[in-house]
Amino acid sequence: MSAEEKVLEAMRNAGQPLGAGKIVELTGLDKKEVDKAMKSLKESGSIVSPKRCMWEPAK
């Protein structure tokens, strides 16, 4: 499972918007890996930000 898949899965399972720090806790990935995965997911439109510094999967 790629870092992007792990980040998306953690977001879906949480059922609420998450910050990068919480995603690091939930996935066990390194902060740099999470930041890189989130950047990729943002660019592809897979995640959206309902409020500042919080992210969730796009509908």
C-alpha atoms as a PDB file:
ATOM      1  CA  MET A   1       0.000   0.000   0.000  1.00  0.00           C
ATOM      2  CA  SER A   2       1.411   3.374  -1.011  1.00  0.00           C
ATOM      3  CA  ALA A   3       1.707   6.339   1.349  1.00  0.00           C
ATOM      4  CA  GLU A   4      -1.117   8.067  -0.563  1.00  0.00           C
ATOM      5  CA  GLU A   5      -3.407   5.063  -0.040  1.00  0.00           C
ATOM      6  CA  LYS A   6      -2.549   4.920   3.671  1.00  0.00           C
ATOM      7  CA  VAL A   7      -3.287   8.643   4.087  1.00  0.00           C
ATOM      8  CA  LEU A   8      -6.622   8.355   2.275  1.00  0.00           C
ATOM      9  CA  GLU A   9      -7.596   5.268   4.276  1.00  0.00           C
ATOM     10  CA  ALA A  10      -6.794   7.026   7.565  1.00  0.00           C
ATOM     11  CA  MET A  11      -8.926  10.008   6.494  1.00  0.00           C
ATOM     12  CA  ARG A  12     -11.860   7.795   5.494  1.00  0.00           C
ATOM     13  CA  ASN A  13     -11.687   5.777   8.729  1.00  0.00           C
ATOM     14  CA  ALA A  14     -11.534   8.914  10.897  1.00  0.00           C
ATOM     15  CA  GLY A  15     -14.802  10.256   9.486  1.00  0.00           C
ATOM     16  CA  GLN A  16     -13.710  13.829  10.152  1.00  0.00           C
ATOM     17  CA  PRO A  17     -11.150  16.283   8.761  1.00  0.00           C
ATOM     18  CA  LEU A  18      -7.602  15.594   9.942  1.00  0.00           C
ATOM     19  CA  GLY A  19      -4.407  17.577  10.242  1.00  0.00           C
ATOM     20  CA  ALA A  20      -1.051  16.201   9.096  1.00  0.00           C
ATOM     21  CA  GLY A  21       0.073  15.489  12.668  1.00  0.00           C
ATOM     22  CA  LYS A  22      -2.936  13.274  13.340  1.00  0.00           C
ATOM     23  CA  ILE A  23      -2.393  11.445  10.040  1.00  0.00           C
ATOM     24  CA  VAL A  24       1.211  10.745  11.086  1.00  0.00           C
ATOM     25  CA  GLU A  25      -0.124   9.231  14.351  1.00  0.00           C
ATOM     26  CA  LEU A  26      -2.767   7.116  12.622  1.00  0.00           C
ATOM     27  CA  THR A  27      -0.621   5.781   9.776  1.00  0.00           C
ATOM     28  CA  GLY A  28       2.748   5.425  11.474  1.00  0.00           C
ATOM     29  CA  LEU A  29       4.362   7.080   8.458  1.00  0.00           C
ATOM     30  CA  ASP A  30       7.138   9.653   8.695  1.00  0.00           C
ATOM     31  CA  LYS A  31       5.996  13.320   8.622  1.00  0.00           C
ATOM     32  CA  LYS A  32       7.891  13.901   5.359  1.00  0.00           C
ATOM     33  CA  GLU A  33       6.151  10.917   3.744  1.00  0.00           C
ATOM     34  CA  VAL A  34       2.737  12.192   4.857  1.00  0.00           C
ATOM     35  CA  ASP A  35       3.492  15.717   3.566  1.00  0.00           C
ATOM     36  CA  LYS A  36       4.610  14.320   0.195  1.00  0.00           C
ATOM     37  CA  ALA A  37       1.548  12.060  -0.068  1.00  0.00           C
ATOM     38  CA  MET A  38      -0.805  14.911   0.856  1.00  0.00           C
ATOM     39  CA  LYS A  39       0.812  17.202  -1.725  1.00  0.00           C
ATOM     40  CA  SER A  40       0.225  14.566  -4.390  1.00  0.00           C
ATOM     41  CA  LEU A  41      -3.372  13.981  -3.243  1.00  0.00           C
ATOM     42  CA  LYS A  42      -4.077  17.746  -3.235  1.00  0.00           C
ATOM     43  CA  GLU A  43      -2.751  18.110  -6.787  1.00  0.00           C
ATOM     44  CA  SER A  44      -4.912  15.219  -8.027  1.00  0.00           C
ATOM     45  CA  GLY A  45      -7.998  16.587  -6.264  1.00  0.00           C
ATOM     46  CA  SER A  46      -8.359  13.483  -4.061  1.00  0.00           C
ATOM     47  CA  ILE A  47      -8.473  15.491  -0.832  1.00  0.00           C
ATOM     48  CA  VAL A  48     -10.053  18.836   0.043  1.00  0.00           C
ATOM     49  CA  SER A  49      -9.685  21.261   2.929  1.00  0.00           C
ATOM     50  CA  PRO A  50     -12.967  22.138   4.670  1.00  0.00           C
ATOM     51  CA  LYS A  51     -11.071  24.416   7.059  1.00  0.00           C
ATOM     52  CA  ARG A  52      -7.515  25.676   7.413  1.00  0.00           C
ATOM     53  CA  CYS A  53      -4.898  22.924   7.926  1.00  0.00           C
ATOM     54  CA  MET A  54      -7.537  20.189   8.008  1.00  0.00           C
ATOM     55  CA  TRP A  55      -8.064  17.706   5.186  1.00  0.00           C
ATOM     56  CA  GLU A  56     -10.608  15.084   4.152  1.00  0.00           C
ATOM     57  CA  PRO A  57     -11.226  12.900   1.093  1.00  0.00           C
ATOM     58  CA  ALA A  58     -13.000  14.647  -1.767  1.00  0.00           C
ATOM     59  CA  LYS A  59     -16.641  13.635  -2.188  1.00  0.00           C
END
